[in-house]
Amino acid sequence: MTSYPWRAGTATGAGSYPGDDPAEALRVVFGELPELPHLPELPARGPGADLTGRTAGLLVDMPVRVEPSGWRFSDRPGRDTLRAHDHLARDLDVLEEVAGGHDGPFKIQVCGPWTLAATIELRHGDRALKDPGAVRDLAASLAEGVAAHVADVRRRLPAAEIVLQLDEPGLPAVLAGTVPTASGFSRLRAIEEPVAEDTLRSVIEAAGAYPVVHCCARNVPYGLLRGAGAKAISVDLRRVPQRDDDAVGEAIDAGTALFLGAVPATDAVLPSLQATGAPVRDLWRRLGFPPAQLARQVVITPACGMADASPRYVREALKRCRETARMLYEAAEQ
């Protein structure tokens, strides 16, 4: 039987939160998601706290800066790179103060290599994705930087098991050849699946943490992610069509965990607890797996990051994730 770092009936968050106070965000996370807490991202703080900038700050010998068009590689570290370092350093200092004794699984999130390559521009303005050599350099730099980040978090939470989530919302577009050029007038060439898989694997293997890949877009490449070494795949449950049943079923059969986004990530009137859990149950029943396996192999999450939600709703949504996971576990035990 496949083992997982978390207990059966667990919930967690996707990553981003509203506001600019890391201590308050961590208190909410540990209060509402005690079984699998994570390091919240607070993009409202500005450049360097967003998904791309935060991860770009981890890159080794590849400094970045903010241009009107977005993030771009630069010749030397400037204020934007330093700002990203400062945000993360403060977050980790607060984490150590708030939860240094945490002795369960703990999740951190970084941007995956393909979404990063589709987002950061080369010095002359084209996206890094356009240049295979630049992508190789970016992946190698990211692998080194993420490994150092994982080691730093381990030093601060010595009793925790680190779960690393690689965010790859851009990967389906990279594979389909639909990423626009910098001008927006054409599209960048599609990346072949073996190349995409090898690049993602290089980062996962270097990190040395339990790997989750999060992809909240449509057309999630389940087989590619598993081949790259993902032990769990995180998706928006609303974007799991029946045509993906075979791929999802193969992942479950192989022991891959699923992080299912079952609760809206922005302010909404939540349905009943039973109605929240129904799509999870329906998927599992449709695929023909035993109910008892669901609570072990599925983690309940919001549909995506919650940076655009209100603080009040964040608490409500995370509580609903936790209650849904618990309900599914208790139902399986009966």
C-alpha atoms as a PDB file:
ATOM      1  CA  MET A   1       0.000   0.000   0.000  1.00  0.00           C
ATOM      2  CA  THR A   2       1.313   3.449  -0.924  1.00  0.00           C
ATOM      3  CA  SER A   3       2.055   5.662   2.078  1.00  0.00           C
ATOM      4  CA  TYR A   4       1.600   9.424   2.145  1.00  0.00           C
ATOM      5  CA  PRO A   5       3.098  12.103   4.430  1.00  0.00           C
ATOM      6  CA  TRP A   6      -0.368  13.192   5.602  1.00  0.00           C
ATOM      7  CA  ARG A   7      -3.103  11.380   7.500  1.00  0.00           C
ATOM      8  CA  ALA A   8      -6.306  10.180   5.885  1.00  0.00           C
ATOM      9  CA  GLY A   9      -8.958  12.882   5.758  1.00  0.00           C
ATOM     10  CA  THR A  10      -6.591  15.830   5.217  1.00  0.00           C
ATOM     11  CA  ALA A  11      -7.046  19.274   3.629  1.00  0.00           C
ATOM     12  CA  THR A  12      -4.548  21.943   2.629  1.00  0.00           C
ATOM     13  CA  GLY A  13      -4.332  25.255   0.755  1.00  0.00           C
ATOM     14  CA  ALA A  14      -3.156  26.000  -2.756  1.00  0.00           C
ATOM     15  CA  GLY A  15      -0.727  28.797  -1.979  1.00  0.00           C
ATOM     16  CA  SER A  16      -1.628  32.472  -2.154  1.00  0.00           C
ATOM     17  CA  TYR A  17      -3.615  34.521   0.376  1.00  0.00           C
ATOM     18  CA  PRO A  18      -4.876  38.103   0.633  1.00  0.00           C
ATOM     19  CA  GLY A  19      -3.191  40.726   2.775  1.00  0.00           C
ATOM     20  CA  ASP A  20       0.399  41.540   3.608  1.00  0.00           C
ATOM     21  CA  ASP A  21       0.926  40.129   7.123  1.00  0.00           C
ATOM     22  CA  PRO A  22       2.764  36.786   7.037  1.00  0.00           C
ATOM     23  CA  ALA A  23       2.244  36.118  10.744  1.00  0.00           C
ATOM     24  CA  GLU A  24      -1.523  36.505  10.470  1.00  0.00           C
ATOM     25  CA  ALA A  25      -1.647  34.365   7.327  1.00  0.00           C
ATOM     26  CA  LEU A  26       0.349  31.611   9.029  1.00  0.00           C
ATOM     27  CA  ARG A  27      -1.917  31.686  12.063  1.00  0.00           C
ATOM     28  CA  VAL A  28      -4.925  31.190   9.799  1.00  0.00           C
ATOM     29  CA  VAL A  29      -3.223  28.350   7.924  1.00  0.00           C
ATOM     30  CA  PHE A  30      -2.152  26.485  11.051  1.00  0.00           C
ATOM     31  CA  GLY A  31      -5.515  27.091  12.683  1.00  0.00           C
ATOM     32  CA  GLU A  32      -7.652  25.885   9.772  1.00  0.00           C
ATOM     33  CA  LEU A  33      -5.318  23.339   8.129  1.00  0.00           C
ATOM     34  CA  PRO A  34      -3.467  21.665  11.000  1.00  0.00           C
ATOM     35  CA  GLU A  35      -2.967  18.324   9.228  1.00  0.00           C
ATOM     36  CA  LEU A  36      -1.085  19.786   6.238  1.00  0.00           C
ATOM     37  CA  PRO A  37      -0.263  23.471   6.740  1.00  0.00           C
ATOM     38  CA  HIS A  38       1.735  25.395   4.164  1.00  0.00           C
ATOM     39  CA  LEU A  39       3.708  28.578   3.667  1.00  0.00           C
ATOM     40  CA  PRO A  40       1.228  31.186   2.377  1.00  0.00           C
ATOM     41  CA  GLU A  41       2.200  33.552  -0.422  1.00  0.00           C
ATOM     42  CA  LEU A  42       1.083  37.178  -0.144  1.00  0.00           C
ATOM     43  CA  PRO A  43       1.261  38.775  -3.614  1.00  0.00           C
ATOM     44  CA  ALA A  44      -0.507  41.941  -2.382  1.00  0.00           C
ATOM     45  CA  ARG A  45       2.910  43.013  -1.096  1.00  0.00           C
ATOM     46  CA  GLY A  46       3.898  43.709  -4.697  1.00  0.00           C
ATOM     47  CA  PRO A  47       6.687  42.582  -7.072  1.00  0.00           C
ATOM     48  CA  GLY A  48       8.769  39.823  -5.565  1.00  0.00           C
ATOM     49  CA  ALA A  49       5.849  38.426  -3.573  1.00  0.00           C
ATOM     50  CA  ASP A  50       4.000  37.180  -6.676  1.00  0.00           C
ATOM     51  CA  LEU A  51       4.417  33.606  -7.933  1.00  0.00           C
ATOM     52  CA  THR A  52       6.940  34.439 -10.662  1.00  0.00           C
ATOM     53  CA  GLY A  53       8.947  37.003  -8.710  1.00  0.00           C
ATOM     54  CA  ARG A  54       9.059  34.932  -5.542  1.00  0.00           C
ATOM     55  CA  THR A  55      10.462  31.922  -7.382  1.00  0.00           C
ATOM     56  CA  ALA A  56      12.747  34.023  -9.564  1.00  0.00           C
ATOM     57  CA  GLY A  57      14.328  35.195  -6.329  1.00  0.00           C
ATOM     58  CA  LEU A  58      15.453  31.599  -5.746  1.00  0.00           C
ATOM     59  CA  LEU A  59      17.328  31.379  -9.060  1.00  0.00           C
ATOM     60  CA  VAL A  60      21.098  31.030  -8.768  1.00  0.00           C
ATOM     61  CA  ASP A  61      23.156  33.499 -10.842  1.00  0.00           C
ATOM     62  CA  MET A  62      20.109  34.537 -12.897  1.00  0.00           C
ATOM     63  CA  PRO A  63      18.925  37.909 -11.530  1.00  0.00           C
ATOM     64  CA  VAL A  64      15.647  39.451 -12.655  1.00  0.00           C
ATOM     65  CA  ARG A  65      13.998  42.840 -12.742  1.00  0.00           C
ATOM     66  CA  VAL A  66      10.502  44.163 -13.318  1.00  0.00           C
ATOM     67  CA  GLU A  67       9.700  45.820 -16.644  1.00  0.00           C
ATOM     68  CA  PRO A  68       6.317  47.238 -17.741  1.00  0.00           C
ATOM     69  CA  SER A  69       5.750  43.937 -19.573  1.00  0.00           C
ATOM     70  CA  GLY A  70       6.608  41.834 -16.514  1.00  0.00           C
ATOM     71  CA  TRP A  71       9.661  40.001 -15.204  1.00  0.00           C
ATOM     72  CA  ARG A  72      12.865  39.996 -17.256  1.00  0.00           C
ATOM     73  CA  PHE A  73      16.368  38.643 -16.748  1.00  0.00           C
ATOM     74  CA  SER A  74      18.971  41.297 -15.975  1.00  0.00           C
ATOM     75  CA  ASP A  75      22.752  41.570 -15.863  1.00  0.00           C
ATOM     76  CA  ARG A  76      23.051  41.994 -12.105  1.00  0.00           C
ATOM     77  CA  PRO A  77      20.867  41.754  -9.015  1.00  0.00           C
ATOM     78  CA  GLY A  78      18.856  44.916  -8.434  1.00  0.00           C
ATOM     79  CA  ARG A  79      16.149  46.090  -6.100  1.00  0.00           C
ATOM     80  CA  ASP A  80      13.534  43.710  -7.519  1.00  0.00           C
ATOM     81  CA  THR A  81      15.649  40.611  -6.873  1.00  0.00           C
ATOM     82  CA  LEU A  82      16.539  41.920  -3.418  1.00  0.00           C
ATOM     83  CA  ARG A  83      12.890  42.610  -2.677  1.00  0.00           C
ATOM     84  CA  ALA A  84      12.003  39.003  -3.529  1.00  0.00           C
ATOM     85  CA  HIS A  85      14.780  37.774  -1.219  1.00  0.00           C
ATOM     86  CA  ASP A  86      13.581  40.048   1.581  1.00  0.00           C
ATOM     87  CA  HIS A  87       9.958  38.918   1.323  1.00  0.00           C
ATOM     88  CA  LEU A  88      10.904  35.241   1.482  1.00  0.00           C
ATOM     89  CA  ALA A  89      13.439  35.730   4.264  1.00  0.00           C
ATOM     90  CA  ARG A  90      10.826  37.521   6.368  1.00  0.00           C
ATOM     91  CA  ASP A  91       8.270  34.782   5.690  1.00  0.00           C
ATOM     92  CA  LEU A  92      10.699  32.092   6.805  1.00  0.00           C
ATOM     93  CA  ASP A  93      11.700  34.022   9.922  1.00  0.00           C
ATOM     94  CA  VAL A  94       8.023  34.351  10.866  1.00  0.00           C
ATOM     95  CA  LEU A  95       7.448  30.669  10.079  1.00  0.00           C
ATOM     96  CA  GLU A  96      10.233  29.682  12.440  1.00  0.00           C
ATOM     97  CA  GLU A  97       8.783  31.891  15.182  1.00  0.00           C
ATOM     98  CA  VAL A  98       5.186  30.711  14.717  1.00  0.00           C
ATOM     99  CA  ALA A  99       5.718  27.024  13.957  1.00  0.00           C
ATOM    100  CA  GLY A 100       9.331  25.991  14.507  1.00  0.00           C
ATOM    101  CA  GLY A 101       8.188  22.960  16.506  1.00  0.00           C
ATOM    102  CA  HIS A 102       5.783  21.647  13.847  1.00  0.00           C
ATOM    103  CA  ASP A 103       6.313  17.889  13.518  1.00  0.00           C
ATOM    104  CA  GLY A 104       4.007  16.898  10.663  1.00  0.00           C
ATOM    105  CA  PRO A 105       4.037  17.439   6.925  1.00  0.00           C
ATOM    106  CA  PHE A 106       4.516  21.036   5.777  1.00  0.00           C
ATOM    107  CA  LYS A 107       4.039  22.283   2.209  1.00  0.00           C
ATOM    108  CA  ILE A 108       5.926  24.992   0.355  1.00  0.00           C
ATOM    109  CA  GLN A 109       5.172  26.217  -3.168  1.00  0.00           C
ATOM    110  CA  VAL A 110       7.378  27.395  -6.040  1.00  0.00           C
ATOM    111  CA  CYS A 111       6.715  28.108  -9.689  1.00  0.00           C
ATOM    112  CA  GLY A 112       7.622  25.204 -11.972  1.00  0.00           C
ATOM    113  CA  PRO A 113      10.240  25.562 -14.726  1.00  0.00           C
ATOM    114  CA  TRP A 114       7.834  25.662 -17.670  1.00  0.00           C
ATOM    115  CA  THR A 115       5.474  28.270 -16.261  1.00  0.00           C
ATOM    116  CA  LEU A 116       8.553  30.290 -15.265  1.00  0.00           C
ATOM    117  CA  ALA A 117      10.029  29.987 -18.780  1.00  0.00           C
ATOM    118  CA  ALA A 118       6.708  31.057 -20.296  1.00  0.00           C
ATOM    119  CA  THR A 119       6.572  34.101 -18.011  1.00  0.00           C
ATOM    120  CA  ILE A 120      10.076  35.562 -17.649  1.00  0.00           C
ATOM    121  CA  GLU A 121      11.509  37.469 -20.597  1.00  0.00           C
ATOM    122  CA  LEU A 122      15.048  37.307 -21.924  1.00  0.00           C
ATOM    123  CA  ARG A 123      17.065  40.503 -21.859  1.00  0.00           C
ATOM    124  CA  HIS A 124      15.955  41.429 -25.402  1.00  0.00           C
ATOM    125  CA  GLY A 125      12.281  40.877 -24.653  1.00  0.00           C
ATOM    126  CA  ASP A 126      11.301  37.426 -25.951  1.00  0.00           C
ATOM    127  CA  ARG A 127      10.036  34.895 -23.428  1.00  0.00           C
ATOM    128  CA  ALA A 128      12.672  32.480 -22.151  1.00  0.00           C
ATOM    129  CA  LEU A 129      10.531  29.651 -23.526  1.00  0.00           C
ATOM    130  CA  LYS A 130      11.601  30.649 -27.048  1.00  0.00           C
ATOM    131  CA  ASP A 131      15.252  29.728 -26.426  1.00  0.00           C
ATOM    132  CA  PRO A 132      15.993  26.055 -25.561  1.00  0.00           C
ATOM    133  CA  GLY A 133      19.371  27.017 -24.137  1.00  0.00           C
ATOM    134  CA  ALA A 134      17.792  29.612 -21.879  1.00  0.00           C
ATOM    135  CA  VAL A 135      15.258  27.034 -20.684  1.00  0.00           C
ATOM    136  CA  ARG A 136      18.042  24.597 -19.809  1.00  0.00           C
ATOM    137  CA  ASP A 137      19.921  27.279 -17.884  1.00  0.00           C
ATOM    138  CA  LEU A 138      16.726  28.344 -16.124  1.00  0.00           C
ATOM    139  CA  ALA A 139      15.851  24.777 -15.100  1.00  0.00           C
ATOM    140  CA  ALA A 140      19.360  24.116 -13.757  1.00  0.00           C
ATOM    141  CA  SER A 141      19.351  27.382 -11.816  1.00  0.00           C
ATOM    142  CA  LEU A 142      15.868  26.672 -10.465  1.00  0.00           C
ATOM    143  CA  ALA A 143      16.824  23.150  -9.408  1.00  0.00           C
ATOM    144  CA  GLU A 144      19.777  24.488  -7.423  1.00  0.00           C
ATOM    145  CA  GLY A 145      17.754  27.311  -5.896  1.00  0.00           C
ATOM    146  CA  VAL A 146      14.792  25.133  -4.926  1.00  0.00           C
ATOM    147  CA  ALA A 147      17.086  22.559  -3.302  1.00  0.00           C
ATOM    148  CA  ALA A 148      18.619  25.341  -1.197  1.00  0.00           C
ATOM    149  CA  HIS A 149      15.141  26.638  -0.307  1.00  0.00           C
ATOM    150  CA  VAL A 150      13.982  23.171   0.805  1.00  0.00           C
ATOM    151  CA  ALA A 151      17.125  22.821   2.925  1.00  0.00           C
ATOM    152  CA  ASP A 152      16.495  26.236   4.512  1.00  0.00           C
ATOM    153  CA  VAL A 153      12.911  25.333   5.406  1.00  0.00           C
ATOM    154  CA  ARG A 154      14.141  22.029   6.877  1.00  0.00           C
ATOM    155  CA  ARG A 155      16.579  23.891   9.111  1.00  0.00           C
ATOM    156  CA  ARG A 156      13.741  26.049  10.409  1.00  0.00           C
ATOM    157  CA  LEU A 157      11.274  23.159  10.820  1.00  0.00           C
ATOM    158  CA  PRO A 158      13.618  20.301  11.753  1.00  0.00           C
ATOM    159  CA  ALA A 159      10.826  17.912  12.772  1.00  0.00           C
ATOM    160  CA  ALA A 160       8.635  18.466   9.694  1.00  0.00           C
ATOM    161  CA  GLU A 161       8.419  16.470   6.471  1.00  0.00           C
ATOM    162  CA  ILE A 162       8.663  18.946   3.585  1.00  0.00           C
ATOM    163  CA  VAL A 163       6.146  18.674   0.762  1.00  0.00           C
ATOM    164  CA  LEU A 164       7.158  20.674  -2.320  1.00  0.00           C
ATOM    165  CA  GLN A 165       4.442  21.938  -4.646  1.00  0.00           C
ATOM    166  CA  LEU A 166       5.572  22.991  -8.111  1.00  0.00           C
ATOM    167  CA  ASP A 167       2.999  25.317  -9.676  1.00  0.00           C
ATOM    168  CA  GLU A 168       2.667  24.651 -13.404  1.00  0.00           C
ATOM    169  CA  PRO A 169      -0.529  26.400 -14.569  1.00  0.00           C
ATOM    170  CA  GLY A 170       1.244  27.301 -17.821  1.00  0.00           C
ATOM    171  CA  LEU A 171       2.343  23.790 -18.746  1.00  0.00           C
ATOM    172  CA  PRO A 172      -0.705  22.817 -20.865  1.00  0.00           C
ATOM    173  CA  ALA A 173      -0.242  25.953 -22.987  1.00  0.00           C
ATOM    174  CA  VAL A 174       3.488  25.217 -23.335  1.00  0.00           C
ATOM    175  CA  LEU A 175       2.681  21.711 -24.626  1.00  0.00           C
ATOM    176  CA  ALA A 176      -0.072  22.978 -26.940  1.00  0.00           C
ATOM    177  CA  GLY A 177       2.017  25.776 -28.467  1.00  0.00           C
ATOM    178  CA  THR A 178      -0.437  28.485 -27.400  1.00  0.00           C
ATOM    179  CA  VAL A 179       1.905  30.682 -25.321  1.00  0.00           C
ATOM    180  CA  PRO A 180       1.948  34.108 -27.000  1.00  0.00           C
ATOM    181  CA  THR A 181       5.161  35.795 -28.056  1.00  0.00           C
ATOM    182  CA  ALA A 182       6.157  39.018 -26.325  1.00  0.00           C
ATOM    183  CA  SER A 183       4.395  41.019 -29.054  1.00  0.00           C
ATOM    184  CA  GLY A 184       1.250  38.917 -28.755  1.00  0.00           C
ATOM    185  CA  PHE A 185       0.975  38.568 -32.523  1.00  0.00           C
ATOM    186  CA  SER A 186       2.045  34.935 -32.746  1.00  0.00           C
ATOM    187  CA  ARG A 187       2.592  31.852 -30.609  1.00  0.00           C
ATOM    188  CA  LEU A 188       5.732  30.112 -29.413  1.00  0.00           C
ATOM    189  CA  ARG A 189       6.459  26.613 -30.673  1.00  0.00           C
ATOM    190  CA  ALA A 190       5.042  23.693 -28.731  1.00  0.00           C
ATOM    191  CA  ILE A 191       7.442  21.841 -26.442  1.00  0.00           C
ATOM    192  CA  GLU A 192       7.608  18.078 -26.943  1.00  0.00           C
ATOM    193  CA  GLU A 193       6.355  16.026 -24.005  1.00  0.00           C
ATOM    194  CA  PRO A 194       9.627  14.111 -23.391  1.00  0.00           C
ATOM    195  CA  VAL A 195      11.526  17.410 -23.168  1.00  0.00           C
ATOM    196  CA  ALA A 196       8.933  18.890 -20.813  1.00  0.00           C
ATOM    197  CA  GLU A 197       9.004  15.763 -18.650  1.00  0.00           C
ATOM    198  CA  ASP A 198      12.800  15.623 -18.429  1.00  0.00           C
ATOM    199  CA  THR A 199      13.051  19.297 -17.468  1.00  0.00           C
ATOM    200  CA  LEU A 200      10.420  19.013 -14.759  1.00  0.00           C
ATOM    201  CA  ARG A 201      12.052  15.835 -13.448  1.00  0.00           C
ATOM    202  CA  SER A 202      15.395  17.598 -13.088  1.00  0.00           C
ATOM    203  CA  VAL A 203      13.873  20.094 -10.657  1.00  0.00           C
ATOM    204  CA  ILE A 204      11.857  17.496  -8.730  1.00  0.00           C
ATOM    205  CA  GLU A 205      14.844  15.194  -8.255  1.00  0.00           C
ATOM    206  CA  ALA A 206      17.175  17.987  -7.142  1.00  0.00           C
ATOM    207  CA  ALA A 207      14.740  19.275  -4.516  1.00  0.00           C
ATOM    208  CA  GLY A 208      14.724  16.163  -2.364  1.00  0.00           C
ATOM    209  CA  ALA A 209      11.213  16.752  -0.976  1.00  0.00           C
ATOM    210  CA  TYR A 210       7.861  15.004  -1.430  1.00  0.00           C
ATOM    211  CA  PRO A 211       6.773  16.365  -4.863  1.00  0.00           C
ATOM    212  CA  VAL A 212       3.322  17.697  -5.761  1.00  0.00           C
ATOM    213  CA  VAL A 213       2.619  19.391  -9.094  1.00  0.00           C
ATOM    214  CA  HIS A 214      -0.250  21.879  -9.158  1.00  0.00           C
ATOM    215  CA  CYS A 215      -1.950  22.608 -12.491  1.00  0.00           C
ATOM    216  CA  CYS A 216      -5.261  24.461 -12.244  1.00  0.00           C
ATOM    217  CA  ALA A 217      -5.602  24.843 -16.042  1.00  0.00           C
ATOM    218  CA  ARG A 218      -7.503  22.564 -18.405  1.00  0.00           C
ATOM    219  CA  ASN A 219      -5.823  19.605 -20.156  1.00  0.00           C
ATOM    220  CA  VAL A 220      -3.654  18.536 -17.215  1.00  0.00           C
ATOM    221  CA  PRO A 221      -0.933  16.164 -18.563  1.00  0.00           C
ATOM    222  CA  TYR A 222      -1.296  13.504 -15.862  1.00  0.00           C
ATOM    223  CA  GLY A 223       0.991  10.962 -17.505  1.00  0.00           C
ATOM    224  CA  LEU A 224       3.764  13.498 -18.058  1.00  0.00           C
ATOM    225  CA  LEU A 225       3.586  14.691 -14.446  1.00  0.00           C
ATOM    226  CA  ARG A 226       3.763  11.156 -13.111  1.00  0.00           C
ATOM    227  CA  GLY A 227       6.673  10.401 -15.449  1.00  0.00           C
ATOM    228  CA  ALA A 228       8.486  13.468 -14.135  1.00  0.00           C
ATOM    229  CA  GLY A 229       8.255  12.112 -10.601  1.00  0.00           C
ATOM    230  CA  ALA A 230       5.182  13.829  -9.161  1.00  0.00           C
ATOM    231  CA  LYS A 231       3.811  11.762  -6.275  1.00  0.00           C
ATOM    232  CA  ALA A 232       0.718  13.944  -6.089  1.00  0.00           C
ATOM    233  CA  ILE A 233      -1.136  16.029  -8.679  1.00  0.00           C
ATOM    234  CA  SER A 234      -3.161  19.084  -7.655  1.00  0.00           C
ATOM    235  CA  VAL A 235      -6.065  20.164  -9.885  1.00  0.00           C
ATOM    236  CA  ASP A 236      -9.213  22.290  -9.927  1.00  0.00           C
ATOM    237  CA  LEU A 237     -11.963  19.692  -9.629  1.00  0.00           C
ATOM    238  CA  ARG A 238     -14.273  21.721 -11.879  1.00  0.00           C
ATOM    239  CA  ARG A 239     -11.727  21.302 -14.676  1.00  0.00           C
ATOM    240  CA  VAL A 240     -11.537  17.512 -14.568  1.00  0.00           C
ATOM    241  CA  PRO A 241     -13.718  16.424 -17.492  1.00  0.00           C
ATOM    242  CA  GLN A 242     -14.866  12.852 -18.003  1.00  0.00           C
ATOM    243  CA  ARG A 243     -12.535  12.555 -20.993  1.00  0.00           C
ATOM    244  CA  ASP A 244      -9.687  12.592 -18.428  1.00  0.00           C
ATOM    245  CA  ASP A 245     -11.105   9.580 -16.561  1.00  0.00           C
ATOM    246  CA  ASP A 246      -8.582   7.106 -17.985  1.00  0.00           C
ATOM    247  CA  ALA A 247      -5.598   9.304 -17.146  1.00  0.00           C
ATOM    248  CA  VAL A 248      -6.912  10.103 -13.671  1.00  0.00           C
ATOM    249  CA  GLY A 249      -7.727   6.445 -13.043  1.00  0.00           C
ATOM    250  CA  GLU A 250      -4.234   5.376 -14.101  1.00  0.00           C
ATOM    251  CA  ALA A 251      -2.743   7.932 -11.709  1.00  0.00           C
ATOM    252  CA  ILE A 252      -4.866   6.693  -8.810  1.00  0.00           C
ATOM    253  CA  ASP A 253      -4.078   3.069  -9.645  1.00  0.00           C
ATOM    254  CA  ALA A 254      -0.361   3.892  -9.583  1.00  0.00           C
ATOM    255  CA  GLY A 255      -0.714   5.349  -6.070  1.00  0.00           C
ATOM    256  CA  THR A 256      -0.444   8.990  -7.118  1.00  0.00           C
ATOM    257  CA  ALA A 257      -2.275  11.234  -4.669  1.00  0.00           C
ATOM    258  CA  LEU A 258      -4.788  13.812  -5.858  1.00  0.00           C
ATOM    259  CA  PHE A 259      -5.165  17.272  -4.382  1.00  0.00           C
ATOM    260  CA  LEU A 260      -8.703  18.115  -5.485  1.00  0.00           C
ATOM    261  CA  GLY A 261      -9.798  21.758  -5.556  1.00  0.00           C
ATOM    262  CA  ALA A 262     -13.368  21.333  -4.336  1.00  0.00           C
ATOM    263  CA  VAL A 263     -14.028  24.758  -2.765  1.00  0.00           C
ATOM    264  CA  PRO A 264     -14.192  28.044  -4.749  1.00  0.00           C
ATOM    265  CA  ALA A 265     -11.033  30.143  -4.345  1.00  0.00           C
ATOM    266  CA  THR A 266     -12.803  33.525  -4.478  1.00  0.00           C
ATOM    267  CA  ASP A 267     -15.716  34.779  -2.411  1.00  0.00           C
ATOM    268  CA  ALA A 268     -18.816  32.681  -3.003  1.00  0.00           C
ATOM    269  CA  VAL A 269     -21.866  31.402  -1.187  1.00  0.00           C
ATOM    270  CA  LEU A 270     -20.804  27.904  -0.244  1.00  0.00           C
ATOM    271  CA  PRO A 271     -23.275  25.057  -0.741  1.00  0.00           C
ATOM    272  CA  SER A 272     -23.916  22.489   1.979  1.00  0.00           C
ATOM    273  CA  LEU A 273     -21.111  20.311   3.235  1.00  0.00           C
ATOM    274  CA  GLN A 274     -22.650  17.312   1.459  1.00  0.00           C
ATOM    275  CA  ALA A 275     -22.836  19.266  -1.808  1.00  0.00           C
ATOM    276  CA  THR A 276     -19.172  20.277  -1.495  1.00  0.00           C
ATOM    277  CA  GLY A 277     -18.093  16.667  -1.143  1.00  0.00           C
ATOM    278  CA  ALA A 278     -20.427  15.274  -3.810  1.00  0.00           C
ATOM    279  CA  PRO A 279     -18.162  15.957  -6.858  1.00  0.00           C
ATOM    280  CA  VAL A 280     -15.259  14.241  -5.081  1.00  0.00           C
ATOM    281  CA  ARG A 281     -17.379  11.204  -4.306  1.00  0.00           C
ATOM    282  CA  ASP A 282     -18.828  11.199  -7.826  1.00  0.00           C
ATOM    283  CA  LEU A 283     -15.370  11.173  -9.416  1.00  0.00           C
ATOM    284  CA  TRP A 284     -14.199   8.343  -7.186  1.00  0.00           C
ATOM    285  CA  ARG A 285     -17.351   6.295  -7.735  1.00  0.00           C
ATOM    286  CA  ARG A 286     -17.188   6.852 -11.497  1.00  0.00           C
ATOM    287  CA  LEU A 287     -13.647   5.529 -11.589  1.00  0.00           C
ATOM    288  CA  GLY A 288     -14.585   2.481  -9.521  1.00  0.00           C
ATOM    289  CA  PHE A 289     -12.130   2.781  -6.624  1.00  0.00           C
ATOM    290  CA  PRO A 290     -12.955   1.690  -3.057  1.00  0.00           C
ATOM    291  CA  PRO A 291     -14.343   4.480  -0.826  1.00  0.00           C
ATOM    292  CA  ALA A 292     -11.812   3.713   1.918  1.00  0.00           C
ATOM    293  CA  GLN A 293      -8.975   4.541  -0.484  1.00  0.00           C
ATOM    294  CA  LEU A 294     -10.380   8.014  -1.172  1.00  0.00           C
ATOM    295  CA  ALA A 295      -9.640   9.485   2.258  1.00  0.00           C
ATOM    296  CA  ARG A 296      -6.004   8.311   2.123  1.00  0.00           C
ATOM    297  CA  GLN A 297      -5.226   9.302  -1.438  1.00  0.00           C
ATOM    298  CA  VAL A 298      -7.220  12.545  -1.822  1.00  0.00           C
ATOM    299  CA  VAL A 299      -6.417  15.864  -0.151  1.00  0.00           C
ATOM    300  CA  ILE A 300      -9.134  18.534  -0.318  1.00  0.00           C
ATOM    301  CA  THR A 301      -8.074  22.069  -1.304  1.00  0.00           C
ATOM    302  CA  PRO A 302      -9.482  25.334  -2.620  1.00  0.00           C
ATOM    303  CA  ALA A 303      -9.761  25.404  -6.418  1.00  0.00           C
ATOM    304  CA  CYS A 304      -6.647  27.595  -6.697  1.00  0.00           C
ATOM    305  CA  GLY A 305      -4.817  30.376  -4.883  1.00  0.00           C
ATOM    306  CA  MET A 306      -6.911  32.724  -2.741  1.00  0.00           C
ATOM    307  CA  ALA A 307      -5.128  36.058  -3.191  1.00  0.00           C
ATOM    308  CA  ASP A 308      -8.319  37.666  -4.546  1.00  0.00           C
ATOM    309  CA  ALA A 309     -10.557  36.428  -1.740  1.00  0.00           C
ATOM    310  CA  SER A 310     -11.560  38.382   1.359  1.00  0.00           C
ATOM    311  CA  PRO A 311      -9.924  37.407   4.667  1.00  0.00           C
ATOM    312  CA  ARG A 312     -13.321  36.390   6.035  1.00  0.00           C
ATOM    313  CA  TYR A 313     -13.964  34.092   3.095  1.00  0.00           C
ATOM    314  CA  VAL A 314     -10.488  32.553   3.317  1.00  0.00           C
ATOM    315  CA  ARG A 315     -11.236  31.285   6.817  1.00  0.00           C
ATOM    316  CA  GLU A 316     -14.658  30.034   5.740  1.00  0.00           C
ATOM    317  CA  ALA A 317     -13.274  28.253   2.670  1.00  0.00           C
ATOM    318  CA  LEU A 318     -10.384  26.609   4.500  1.00  0.00           C
ATOM    319  CA  LYS A 319     -12.731  25.438   7.240  1.00  0.00           C
ATOM    320  CA  ARG A 320     -14.972  23.955   4.547  1.00  0.00           C
ATOM    321  CA  CYS A 321     -11.976  22.143   2.990  1.00  0.00           C
ATOM    322  CA  ARG A 322     -11.110  20.660   6.381  1.00  0.00           C
ATOM    323  CA  GLU A 323     -14.710  19.657   7.138  1.00  0.00           C
ATOM    324  CA  THR A 324     -15.133  18.093   3.695  1.00  0.00           C
ATOM    325  CA  ALA A 325     -11.976  16.016   4.081  1.00  0.00           C
ATOM    326  CA  ARG A 326     -13.128  14.880   7.514  1.00  0.00           C
ATOM    327  CA  MET A 327     -16.597  14.001   6.241  1.00  0.00           C
ATOM    328  CA  LEU A 328     -15.173  11.897   3.406  1.00  0.00           C
ATOM    329  CA  TYR A 329     -12.893  10.112   5.869  1.00  0.00           C
ATOM    330  CA  GLU A 330     -15.683   9.365   8.339  1.00  0.00           C
ATOM    331  CA  ALA A 331     -17.971   8.125   5.568  1.00  0.00           C
ATOM    332  CA  ALA A 332     -15.273   5.746   4.379  1.00  0.00           C
ATOM    333  CA  GLU A 333     -14.786   4.378   7.891  1.00  0.00           C
ATOM    334  CA  GLN A 334     -18.443   3.468   8.355  1.00  0.00           C
END
